[in-house]
Amino acid sequence: MGRRNKLLVPEAREGMDKLKAELMATTNQEDTKYEVAREQGIPLKRGNNGDLTTREAGQIGGQIGGRMVKELIRRAEQQIEDNQKRR
C-alpha cells in the first residue's frame, strides 16, 4: 500500500515512523495502524478498505496523529526549556 501523505522533509519519514511505533507501543512500524484498528474493533485489512466508513478511518488516523502531534509539541517545549536554562 503506497503512502499518499507527503512530508515537507522526505528524509524524516523513518524518524516519524519510529515515533509512531514508539507512541503506539507497537513492535513493527508498518503494523501500527492495524494494531490500532484491532484495538478499536475496526475491520482494517491490508489492501482495499473501501468498505470502511470515513468515521472508522478517522478514528484510526486521528488516534495515531493526535498522539504524534502531542509528543512533538512536548519535545519542542522541552527543547525550548532546556535552551533557556543554558543561557
PDB file of N, CA and C in Angstrom:
ATOM      1  N   MET A   1       0.857  -1.175   0.000  1.00  0.00           N
ATOM      2  CA  MET A   1       0.000   0.000   0.000  1.00  0.00           C
ATOM      3  C   MET A   1       0.900   1.233   0.000  1.00  0.00           C
ATOM      4  N   GLY A   2       0.729   2.099  -0.987  1.00  0.00           N
ATOM      5  CA  GLY A   2       1.551   3.305  -1.081  1.00  0.00           C
ATOM      6  C   GLY A   2       1.102   4.389  -0.129  1.00  0.00           C
ATOM      7  N   ARG A   3       2.005   5.310   0.109  1.00  0.00           N
ATOM      8  CA  ARG A   3       1.694   6.426   1.005  1.00  0.00           C
ATOM      9  C   ARG A   3       1.201   7.605   0.167  1.00  0.00           C
ATOM     10  N   ARG A   4       0.165   8.238   0.628  1.00  0.00           N
ATOM     11  CA  ARG A   4      -0.352   9.426  -0.054  1.00  0.00           C
ATOM     12  C   ARG A   4       0.140  10.705   0.587  1.00  0.00           C
ATOM     13  N   ASN A   5       0.377  10.656   1.893  1.00  0.00           N
ATOM     14  CA  ASN A   5       0.781  11.876   2.588  1.00  0.00           C
ATOM     15  C   ASN A   5       2.247  12.187   2.282  1.00  0.00           C
ATOM     16  N   LYS A   6       2.548  13.453   2.146  1.00  0.00           N
ATOM     17  CA  LYS A   6       3.892  13.891   1.808  1.00  0.00           C
ATOM     18  C   LYS A   6       4.464  14.683   2.977  1.00  0.00           C
ATOM     19  N   LEU A   7       5.678  14.344   3.369  1.00  0.00           N
ATOM     20  CA  LEU A   7       6.362  15.110   4.400  1.00  0.00           C
ATOM     21  C   LEU A   7       7.113  16.253   3.740  1.00  0.00           C
ATOM     22  N   LEU A   8       7.197  17.370   4.414  1.00  0.00           N
ATOM     23  CA  LEU A   8       7.947  18.513   3.910  1.00  0.00           C
ATOM     24  C   LEU A   8       9.414  18.130   3.733  1.00  0.00           C
ATOM     25  N   VAL A   9       9.922  17.328   4.644  1.00  0.00           N
ATOM     26  CA  VAL A   9      11.298  16.818   4.560  1.00  0.00           C
ATOM     27  C   VAL A   9      11.190  15.298   4.416  1.00  0.00           C
ATOM     28  N   PRO A  10      11.257  14.778   3.196  1.00  0.00           N
ATOM     29  CA  PRO A  10      11.080  13.339   2.984  1.00  0.00           C
ATOM     30  C   PRO A  10      12.047  12.468   3.794  1.00  0.00           C
ATOM     31  N   GLU A  11      13.223  12.996   4.092  1.00  0.00           N
ATOM     32  CA  GLU A  11      14.197  12.236   4.868  1.00  0.00           C
ATOM     33  C   GLU A  11      13.716  11.970   6.293  1.00  0.00           C
ATOM     34  N   ALA A  12      12.674  12.640   6.726  1.00  0.00           N
ATOM     35  CA  ALA A  12      12.155  12.483   8.084  1.00  0.00           C
ATOM     36  C   ALA A  12      11.214  11.281   8.211  1.00  0.00           C
ATOM     37  N   ARG A  13      10.893  10.621   7.109  1.00  0.00           N
ATOM     38  CA  ARG A  13       9.918   9.528   7.123  1.00  0.00           C
ATOM     39  C   ARG A  13      10.296   8.444   8.153  1.00  0.00           C
ATOM     40  N   GLU A  14      11.531   7.998   8.142  1.00  0.00           N
ATOM     41  CA  GLU A  14      11.951   6.928   9.042  1.00  0.00           C
ATOM     42  C   GLU A  14      11.771   7.335  10.507  1.00  0.00           C
ATOM     43  N   GLY A  15      12.160   8.557  10.835  1.00  0.00           N
ATOM     44  CA  GLY A  15      12.010   9.044  12.202  1.00  0.00           C
ATOM     45  C   GLY A  15      10.553   9.153  12.621  1.00  0.00           C
ATOM     46  N   MET A  16       9.711   9.605  11.709  1.00  0.00           N
ATOM     47  CA  MET A  16       8.280   9.719  12.026  1.00  0.00           C
ATOM     48  C   MET A  16       7.663   8.332  12.225  1.00  0.00           C
ATOM     49  N   ASP A  17       8.070   7.381  11.392  1.00  0.00           N
ATOM     50  CA  ASP A  17       7.558   6.019  11.558  1.00  0.00           C
ATOM     51  C   ASP A  17       7.997   5.415  12.883  1.00  0.00           C
ATOM     52  N   LYS A  18       9.240   5.677  13.283  1.00  0.00           N
ATOM     53  CA  LYS A  18       9.725   5.178  14.577  1.00  0.00           C
ATOM     54  C   LYS A  18       8.957   5.813  15.727  1.00  0.00           C
ATOM     55  N   LEU A  19       8.708   7.119  15.640  1.00  0.00           N
ATOM     56  CA  LEU A  19       7.943   7.821  16.677  1.00  0.00           C
ATOM     57  C   LEU A  19       6.543   7.230  16.783  1.00  0.00           C
ATOM     58  N   LYS A  20       5.918   6.994  15.639  1.00  0.00           N
ATOM     59  CA  LYS A  20       4.573   6.425  15.624  1.00  0.00           C
ATOM     60  C   LYS A  20       4.552   5.070  16.320  1.00  0.00           C
ATOM     61  N   ALA A  21       5.492   4.204  15.987  1.00  0.00           N
ATOM     62  CA  ALA A  21       5.540   2.881  16.603  1.00  0.00           C
ATOM     63  C   ALA A  21       5.816   2.983  18.102  1.00  0.00           C
ATOM     64  N   GLU A  22       6.703   3.901  18.474  1.00  0.00           N
ATOM     65  CA  GLU A  22       7.042   4.092  19.900  1.00  0.00           C
ATOM     66  C   GLU A  22       5.826   4.552  20.694  1.00  0.00           C
ATOM     67  N   LEU A  23       5.122   5.551  20.186  1.00  0.00           N
ATOM     68  CA  LEU A  23       3.989   6.110  20.919  1.00  0.00           C
ATOM     69  C   LEU A  23       2.802   5.157  20.981  1.00  0.00           C
ATOM     70  N   MET A  24       2.660   4.355  19.948  1.00  0.00           N
ATOM     71  CA  MET A  24       1.520   3.444  19.909  1.00  0.00           C
ATOM     72  C   MET A  24       1.883   2.082  20.511  1.00  0.00           C
ATOM     73  N   ALA A  25       3.126   1.966  21.007  1.00  0.00           N
ATOM     74  CA  ALA A  25       3.601   0.743  21.659  1.00  0.00           C
ATOM     75  C   ALA A  25       3.422  -0.479  20.771  1.00  0.00           C
ATOM     76  N   THR A  26       3.839  -0.331  19.515  1.00  0.00           N
ATOM     77  CA  THR A  26       3.783  -1.454  18.594  1.00  0.00           C
ATOM     78  C   THR A  26       5.191  -1.939  18.312  1.00  0.00           C
ATOM     79  N   THR A  27       5.284  -3.174  17.910  1.00  0.00           N
ATOM     80  CA  THR A  27       6.598  -3.752  17.651  1.00  0.00           C
ATOM     81  C   THR A  27       7.073  -3.476  16.226  1.00  0.00           C
ATOM     82  N   ASN A  28       6.167  -3.424  15.289  1.00  0.00           N
ATOM     83  CA  ASN A  28       6.515  -3.219  13.891  1.00  0.00           C
ATOM     84  C   ASN A  28       5.892  -1.921  13.396  1.00  0.00           C
ATOM     85  N   GLN A  29       6.719  -1.017  12.897  1.00  0.00           N
ATOM     86  CA  GLN A  29       6.236   0.294  12.444  1.00  0.00           C
ATOM     87  C   GLN A  29       5.123   0.174  11.410  1.00  0.00           C
ATOM     88  N   GLU A  30       5.248  -0.782  10.520  1.00  0.00           N
ATOM     89  CA  GLU A  30       4.273  -0.939   9.439  1.00  0.00           C
ATOM     90  C   GLU A  30       2.915  -1.452   9.939  1.00  0.00           C
ATOM     91  N   ASP A  31       2.903  -2.103  11.091  1.00  0.00           N
ATOM     92  CA  ASP A  31       1.668  -2.692  11.611  1.00  0.00           C
ATOM     93  C   ASP A  31       0.910  -1.787  12.565  1.00  0.00           C
ATOM     94  N   THR A  32       1.414  -0.588  12.818  1.00  0.00           N
ATOM     95  CA  THR A  32       0.814   0.299  13.818  1.00  0.00           C
ATOM     96  C   THR A  32      -0.667   0.533  13.559  1.00  0.00           C
ATOM     97  N   LYS A  33      -1.025   0.931  12.345  1.00  0.00           N
ATOM     98  CA  LYS A  33      -2.436   1.253  12.086  1.00  0.00           C
ATOM     99  C   LYS A  33      -3.335   0.031  12.201  1.00  0.00           C
ATOM    100  N   TYR A  34      -2.803  -1.148  11.893  1.00  0.00           N
ATOM    101  CA  TYR A  34      -3.613  -2.357  12.008  1.00  0.00           C
ATOM    102  C   TYR A  34      -3.840  -2.721  13.477  1.00  0.00           C
ATOM    103  N   GLU A  35      -2.839  -2.509  14.294  1.00  0.00           N
ATOM    104  CA  GLU A  35      -2.992  -2.774  15.726  1.00  0.00           C
ATOM    105  C   GLU A  35      -3.975  -1.799  16.358  1.00  0.00           C
ATOM    106  N   VAL A  36      -3.890  -0.520  15.970  1.00  0.00           N
ATOM    107  CA  VAL A  36      -4.835   0.482  16.488  1.00  0.00           C
ATOM    108  C   VAL A  36      -6.250   0.125  16.057  1.00  0.00           C
ATOM    109  N   ALA A  37      -6.417  -0.251  14.803  1.00  0.00           N
ATOM    110  CA  ALA A  37      -7.745  -0.627  14.297  1.00  0.00           C
ATOM    111  C   ALA A  37      -8.296  -1.824  15.055  1.00  0.00           C
ATOM    112  N   ARG A  38      -7.453  -2.822  15.281  1.00  0.00           N
ATOM    113  CA  ARG A  38      -7.893  -4.016  16.002  1.00  0.00           C
ATOM    114  C   ARG A  38      -8.335  -3.660  17.421  1.00  0.00           C
ATOM    115  N   GLU A  39      -7.568  -2.780  18.089  1.00  0.00           N
ATOM    116  CA  GLU A  39      -7.923  -2.353  19.448  1.00  0.00           C
ATOM    117  C   GLU A  39      -9.279  -1.660  19.478  1.00  0.00           C
ATOM    118  N   GLN A  40      -9.610  -0.957  18.389  1.00  0.00           N
ATOM    119  CA  GLN A  40     -10.867  -0.214  18.336  1.00  0.00           C
ATOM    120  C   GLN A  40     -12.005  -1.028  17.725  1.00  0.00           C
ATOM    121  N   GLY A  41     -11.709  -2.257  17.328  1.00  0.00           N
ATOM    122  CA  GLY A  41     -12.738  -3.107  16.729  1.00  0.00           C
ATOM    123  C   GLY A  41     -13.097  -2.706  15.303  1.00  0.00           C
ATOM    124  N   ILE A  42     -12.167  -2.072  14.611  1.00  0.00           N
ATOM    125  CA  ILE A  42     -12.397  -1.634  13.232  1.00  0.00           C
ATOM    126  C   ILE A  42     -11.763  -2.668  12.295  1.00  0.00           C
ATOM    127  N   PRO A  43     -12.544  -3.175  11.320  1.00  0.00           N
ATOM    128  CA  PRO A  43     -12.052  -4.239  10.447  1.00  0.00           C
ATOM    129  C   PRO A  43     -11.108  -3.751   9.342  1.00  0.00           C
ATOM    130  N   LEU A  44      -9.957  -3.228   9.710  1.00  0.00           N
ATOM    131  CA  LEU A  44      -8.973  -2.755   8.737  1.00  0.00           C
ATOM    132  C   LEU A  44      -8.159  -3.943   8.248  1.00  0.00           C
ATOM    133  N   LYS A  45      -8.019  -4.051   6.941  1.00  0.00           N
ATOM    134  CA  LYS A  45      -7.248  -5.153   6.380  1.00  0.00           C
ATOM    135  C   LYS A  45      -6.232  -4.601   5.394  1.00  0.00           C
ATOM    136  N   ARG A  46      -5.255  -5.392   5.054  1.00  0.00           N
ATOM    137  CA  ARG A  46      -4.261  -4.979   4.072  1.00  0.00           C
ATOM    138  C   ARG A  46      -4.937  -4.949   2.706  1.00  0.00           C
ATOM    139  N   GLY A  47      -4.604  -3.922   1.926  1.00  0.00           N
ATOM    140  CA  GLY A  47      -5.213  -3.800   0.606  1.00  0.00           C
ATOM    141  C   GLY A  47      -6.375  -2.823   0.638  1.00  0.00           C
ATOM    142  N   ASN A  48      -7.395  -3.105  -0.135  1.00  0.00           N
ATOM    143  CA  ASN A  48      -8.539  -2.208  -0.295  1.00  0.00           C
ATOM    144  C   ASN A  48      -9.427  -2.219   0.947  1.00  0.00           C
ATOM    145  N   ASN A  49      -9.664  -1.041   1.497  1.00  0.00           N
ATOM    146  CA  ASN A  49     -10.549  -0.885   2.651  1.00  0.00           C
ATOM    147  C   ASN A  49     -11.707   0.049   2.320  1.00  0.00           C
ATOM    148  N   GLY A  50     -12.188  -0.050   1.086  1.00  0.00           N
ATOM    149  CA  GLY A  50     -13.273   0.816   0.629  1.00  0.00           C
ATOM    150  C   GLY A  50     -14.563   0.650   1.408  1.00  0.00           C
ATOM    151  N   ASP A  51     -14.672  -0.427   2.157  1.00  0.00           N
ATOM    152  CA  ASP A  51     -15.886  -0.659   2.935  1.00  0.00           C
ATOM    153  C   ASP A  51     -15.860   0.041   4.291  1.00  0.00           C
ATOM    154  N   LEU A  52     -14.728   0.640   4.668  1.00  0.00           N
ATOM    155  CA  LEU A  52     -14.665   1.384   5.927  1.00  0.00           C
ATOM    156  C   LEU A  52     -15.396   2.713   5.789  1.00  0.00           C
ATOM    157  N   THR A  53     -16.002   3.138   6.861  1.00  0.00           N
ATOM    158  CA  THR A  53     -16.629   4.453   6.851  1.00  0.00           C
ATOM    159  C   THR A  53     -15.560   5.516   7.089  1.00  0.00           C
ATOM    160  N   THR A  54     -15.869   6.733   6.735  1.00  0.00           N
ATOM    161  CA  THR A  54     -14.954   7.840   6.984  1.00  0.00           C
ATOM    162  C   THR A  54     -14.686   7.959   8.476  1.00  0.00           C
ATOM    163  N   ARG A  55     -15.697   7.744   9.264  1.00  0.00           N
ATOM    164  CA  ARG A  55     -15.554   7.815  10.724  1.00  0.00           C
ATOM    165  C   ARG A  55     -14.549   6.775  11.235  1.00  0.00           C
ATOM    166  N   GLU A  56     -14.656   5.544  10.727  1.00  0.00           N
ATOM    167  CA  GLU A  56     -13.747   4.490  11.158  1.00  0.00           C
ATOM    168  C   GLU A  56     -12.306   4.822  10.769  1.00  0.00           C
ATOM    169  N   ALA A  57     -12.114   5.256   9.544  1.00  0.00           N
ATOM    170  CA  ALA A  57     -10.769   5.609   9.085  1.00  0.00           C
ATOM    171  C   ALA A  57     -10.208   6.766   9.914  1.00  0.00           C
ATOM    172  N   GLY A  58     -11.059   7.727  10.225  1.00  0.00           N
ATOM    173  CA  GLY A  58     -10.635   8.862  11.036  1.00  0.00           C
ATOM    174  C   GLY A  58     -10.270   8.475  12.454  1.00  0.00           C
ATOM    175  N   GLN A  59     -10.965   7.483  12.991  1.00  0.00           N
ATOM    176  CA  GLN A  59     -10.647   7.022  14.348  1.00  0.00           C
ATOM    177  C   GLN A  59      -9.248   6.435  14.398  1.00  0.00           C
ATOM    178  N   ILE A  60      -8.874   5.729  13.367  1.00  0.00           N
ATOM    179  CA  ILE A  60      -7.544   5.113  13.328  1.00  0.00           C
ATOM    180  C   ILE A  60      -6.481   6.199  13.182  1.00  0.00           C
ATOM    181  N   GLY A  61      -6.579   6.987  12.127  1.00  0.00           N
ATOM    182  CA  GLY A  61      -5.588   8.026  11.859  1.00  0.00           C
ATOM    183  C   GLY A  61      -5.564   9.117  12.910  1.00  0.00           C
ATOM    184  N   GLY A  62      -6.720   9.458  13.437  1.00  0.00           N
ATOM    185  CA  GLY A  62      -6.801  10.511  14.441  1.00  0.00           C
ATOM    186  C   GLY A  62      -6.098  10.142  15.730  1.00  0.00           C
ATOM    187  N   GLN A  63      -6.250   8.905  16.121  1.00  0.00           N
ATOM    188  CA  GLN A  63      -5.596   8.462  17.358  1.00  0.00           C
ATOM    189  C   GLN A  63      -4.082   8.472  17.186  1.00  0.00           C
ATOM    190  N   ILE A  64      -3.617   7.999  16.055  1.00  0.00           N
ATOM    191  CA  ILE A  64      -2.174   7.954  15.806  1.00  0.00           C
ATOM    192  C   ILE A  64      -1.615   9.367  15.670  1.00  0.00           C
ATOM    193  N   GLY A  65      -2.212  10.154  14.795  1.00  0.00           N
ATOM    194  CA  GLY A  65      -1.728  11.513  14.545  1.00  0.00           C
ATOM    195  C   GLY A  65      -1.810  12.403  15.768  1.00  0.00           C
ATOM    196  N   GLY A  66      -2.883  12.272  16.526  1.00  0.00           N
ATOM    197  CA  GLY A  66      -3.045  13.079  17.729  1.00  0.00           C
ATOM    198  C   GLY A  66      -1.943  12.847  18.742  1.00  0.00           C
ATOM    199  N   ARG A  67      -1.613  11.600  18.938  1.00  0.00           N
ATOM    200  CA  ARG A  67      -0.533  11.277  19.887  1.00  0.00           C
ATOM    201  C   ARG A  67       0.809  11.781  19.377  1.00  0.00           C
ATOM    202  N   MET A  68       1.021  11.676  18.063  1.00  0.00           N
ATOM    203  CA  MET A  68       2.295  12.133  17.491  1.00  0.00           C
ATOM    204  C   MET A  68       2.446  13.643  17.651  1.00  0.00           C
ATOM    205  N   VAL A  69       1.382  14.382  17.376  1.00  0.00           N
ATOM    206  CA  VAL A  69       1.437  15.839  17.495  1.00  0.00           C
ATOM    207  C   VAL A  69       1.694  16.242  18.943  1.00  0.00           C
ATOM    208  N   LYS A  70       0.989  15.631  19.880  1.00  0.00           N
ATOM    209  CA  LYS A  70       1.189  15.954  21.293  1.00  0.00           C
ATOM    210  C   LYS A  70       2.628  15.695  21.718  1.00  0.00           C
ATOM    211  N   GLU A  71       3.192  14.577  21.260  1.00  0.00           N
ATOM    212  CA  GLU A  71       4.564  14.243  21.641  1.00  0.00           C
ATOM    213  C   GLU A  71       5.558  15.208  21.002  1.00  0.00           C
ATOM    214  N   LEU A  72       5.348  15.578  19.753  1.00  0.00           N
ATOM    215  CA  LEU A  72       6.257  16.519  19.098  1.00  0.00           C
ATOM    216  C   LEU A  72       6.205  17.888  19.778  1.00  0.00           C
ATOM    217  N   ILE A  73       5.025  18.316  20.194  1.00  0.00           N
ATOM    218  CA  ILE A  73       4.898  19.582  20.924  1.00  0.00           C
ATOM    219  C   ILE A  73       5.612  19.479  22.265  1.00  0.00           C
ATOM    220  N   ARG A  74       5.422  18.357  22.962  1.00  0.00           N
ATOM    221  CA  ARG A  74       6.086  18.162  24.254  1.00  0.00           C
ATOM    222  C   ARG A  74       7.605  18.237  24.103  1.00  0.00           C
ATOM    223  N   ARG A  75       8.125  17.586  23.071  1.00  0.00           N
ATOM    224  CA  ARG A  75       9.570  17.591  22.844  1.00  0.00           C
ATOM    225  C   ARG A  75      10.083  18.984  22.485  1.00  0.00           C
ATOM    226  N   ALA A  76       9.324  19.715  21.691  1.00  0.00           N
ATOM    227  CA  ALA A  76       9.736  21.076  21.325  1.00  0.00           C
ATOM    228  C   ALA A  76       9.747  21.975  22.555  1.00  0.00           C
ATOM    229  N   GLU A  77       8.709  21.861  23.396  1.00  0.00           N
ATOM    230  CA  GLU A  77       8.667  22.663  24.615  1.00  0.00           C
ATOM    231  C   GLU A  77       9.839  22.324  25.531  1.00  0.00           C
ATOM    232  N   GLN A  78      10.167  21.050  25.625  1.00  0.00           N
ATOM    233  CA  GLN A  78      11.296  20.625  26.454  1.00  0.00           C
ATOM    234  C   GLN A  78      12.601  21.185  25.912  1.00  0.00           C
ATOM    235  N   GLN A  79      12.748  21.195  24.608  1.00  0.00           N
ATOM    236  CA  GLN A  79      13.956  21.720  23.985  1.00  0.00           C
ATOM    237  C   GLN A  79      14.082  23.224  24.237  1.00  0.00           C
ATOM    238  N   ILE A  80      12.981  23.946  24.146  1.00  0.00           N
ATOM    239  CA  ILE A  80      12.990  25.388  24.427  1.00  0.00           C
ATOM    240  C   ILE A  80      13.378  25.632  25.881  1.00  0.00           C
ATOM    241  N   GLU A  81      12.774  24.858  26.771  1.00  0.00           N
ATOM    242  CA  GLU A  81      13.076  24.991  28.202  1.00  0.00           C
ATOM    243  C   GLU A  81      14.554  24.707  28.479  1.00  0.00           C
ATOM    244  N   ASP A  82      15.072  23.656  27.871  1.00  0.00           N
ATOM    245  CA  ASP A  82      16.489  23.306  28.055  1.00  0.00           C
ATOM    246  C   ASP A  82      17.398  24.407  27.519  1.00  0.00           C
ATOM    247  N   ASN A  83      17.042  24.995  26.377  1.00  0.00           N
ATOM    248  CA  ASN A  83      17.838  26.075  25.797  1.00  0.00           C
ATOM    249  C   ASN A  83      17.834  27.307  26.681  1.00  0.00           C
ATOM    250  N   GLN A  84      16.701  27.609  27.318  1.00  0.00           N
ATOM    251  CA  GLN A  84      16.606  28.747  28.204  1.00  0.00           C
ATOM    252  C   GLN A  84      17.438  28.563  29.460  1.00  0.00           C
ATOM    253  N   LYS A  85      17.516  27.323  29.955  1.00  0.00           N
ATOM    254  CA  LYS A  85      18.315  27.037  31.151  1.00  0.00           C
ATOM    255  C   LYS A  85      19.801  27.193  30.887  1.00  0.00           C
ATOM    256  N   ARG A  86      20.218  26.966  29.652  1.00  0.00           N
ATOM    257  CA  ARG A  86      21.636  27.068  29.292  1.00  0.00           C
ATOM    258  C   ARG A  86      22.130  28.508  29.180  1.00  0.00           C
ATOM    259  N   ARG A  87      21.220  29.435  29.073  1.00  0.00           N
ATOM    260  CA  ARG A  87      21.589  30.841  28.911  1.00  0.00           C
ATOM    261  C   ARG A  87      22.035  31.470  30.172  1.00  0.00           C
TER     262      ARG A  87
END
